[in-house]
Every structure is written in C-alpha cells, then in structure tokens.
Protein backbone atom coordinates (compact mmCIF):
# COMPACT_ATOMS: atom_id res chain seq x y z
CA MET A 1 -19.03 39.13 -36.41
CA PHE A 2 -18.61 35.43 -35.09
CA TYR A 3 -20.03 34.14 -38.38
CA THR A 4 -17.16 35.89 -40.33
CA TYR A 5 -14.42 34.54 -38.16
CA SER A 6 -15.84 30.96 -38.19
CA LEU A 7 -15.80 31.35 -42.16
CA LEU A 8 -12.14 32.65 -41.89
CA ALA A 9 -11.34 29.62 -39.74
CA LEU A 10 -11.86 27.47 -42.62
CA ASN A 11 -8.34 28.72 -43.89
CA SER A 12 -5.78 27.37 -41.54
CA SER A 13 -3.24 30.14 -42.32
CA THR A 14 -5.87 32.54 -41.12
CA ILE A 15 -6.24 30.76 -38.03
CA GLU A 16 -2.40 31.28 -37.39
CA GLN A 17 -2.93 34.87 -38.40
CA ILE A 18 -5.69 35.43 -35.92
CA LYS A 19 -3.62 33.69 -33.15
CA ALA A 20 -0.51 35.87 -33.68
CA GLU A 21 -2.41 39.04 -34.09
CA HIS A 22 -5.39 38.69 -31.73
CA PRO A 23 -4.64 35.88 -28.98
CA VAL A 24 -7.51 37.03 -26.85
CA LEU A 25 -10.05 37.10 -29.47
CA PHE A 26 -8.72 33.74 -30.61
CA LEU A 27 -8.98 32.30 -27.21
CA PHE A 28 -12.54 33.80 -27.02
CA VAL A 29 -13.56 32.12 -30.18
CA VAL A 30 -12.13 28.60 -29.01
CA THR A 31 -14.03 29.04 -25.70
CA PHE A 32 -17.28 30.02 -27.44
CA ALA A 33 -16.87 26.99 -29.62
CA ILE A 34 -16.36 24.52 -26.84
CA ILE A 35 -19.44 26.30 -24.98
CA ALA A 36 -21.53 25.97 -28.29
CA ILE A 37 -20.72 22.25 -28.42
CA ALA A 38 -21.12 21.27 -24.88
CA THR A 39 -24.15 23.10 -23.80
CA PRO A 40 -26.64 21.10 -25.90
CA GLY A 41 -25.40 17.82 -24.92
CA TYR A 42 -25.50 19.07 -21.11
CA VAL A 43 -29.05 20.34 -21.61
CA LEU A 44 -30.12 17.12 -23.31
CA TYR A 45 -28.46 15.09 -20.44
CA ALA A 46 -30.42 17.24 -17.96
CA ILE A 47 -33.42 16.56 -19.45
CA TYR A 48 -32.88 12.97 -19.97
CA LYS A 49 -32.21 12.65 -16.12
CA ALA A 50 -35.35 14.81 -15.18
CA THR A 51 -37.67 12.58 -17.40
CA LYS A 52 -35.91 9.28 -16.00
CA ARG A 53 -36.44 10.62 -12.32
CA ARG A 54 -40.01 11.35 -13.03
CA THR A 55 -41.02 7.76 -13.98
C-alpha cells in the first residue's frame, strides 16, 4: 500500500489530491518518510559512538 502511494507521489497533482481528500493519510506518509530517512542515520550514529567508546 505504501509503495503504491510513493509511486503516486511522483505526480505532484496526486500529492495535492491526497492532501485534500486524505489529510491524515498524507500526514502519516510524510511522518513515515521522515522516520525512514532519520532512523538509519541515527542507528549508524549510535553504532559509531558505541565503537568509538570501546576503543
């Protein structure tokens, strides 16, 4: 389901349509995207800090 919406998001008019018709869903997709981008960076940073502390 999320994959379908990310494909639709390539079309900016579709983004406006989703935002108008399903604001909660749009907010969820944006939040999910932010989490998906931020989490790997945070995990890598945590691993980096842990390995640096050990040496």
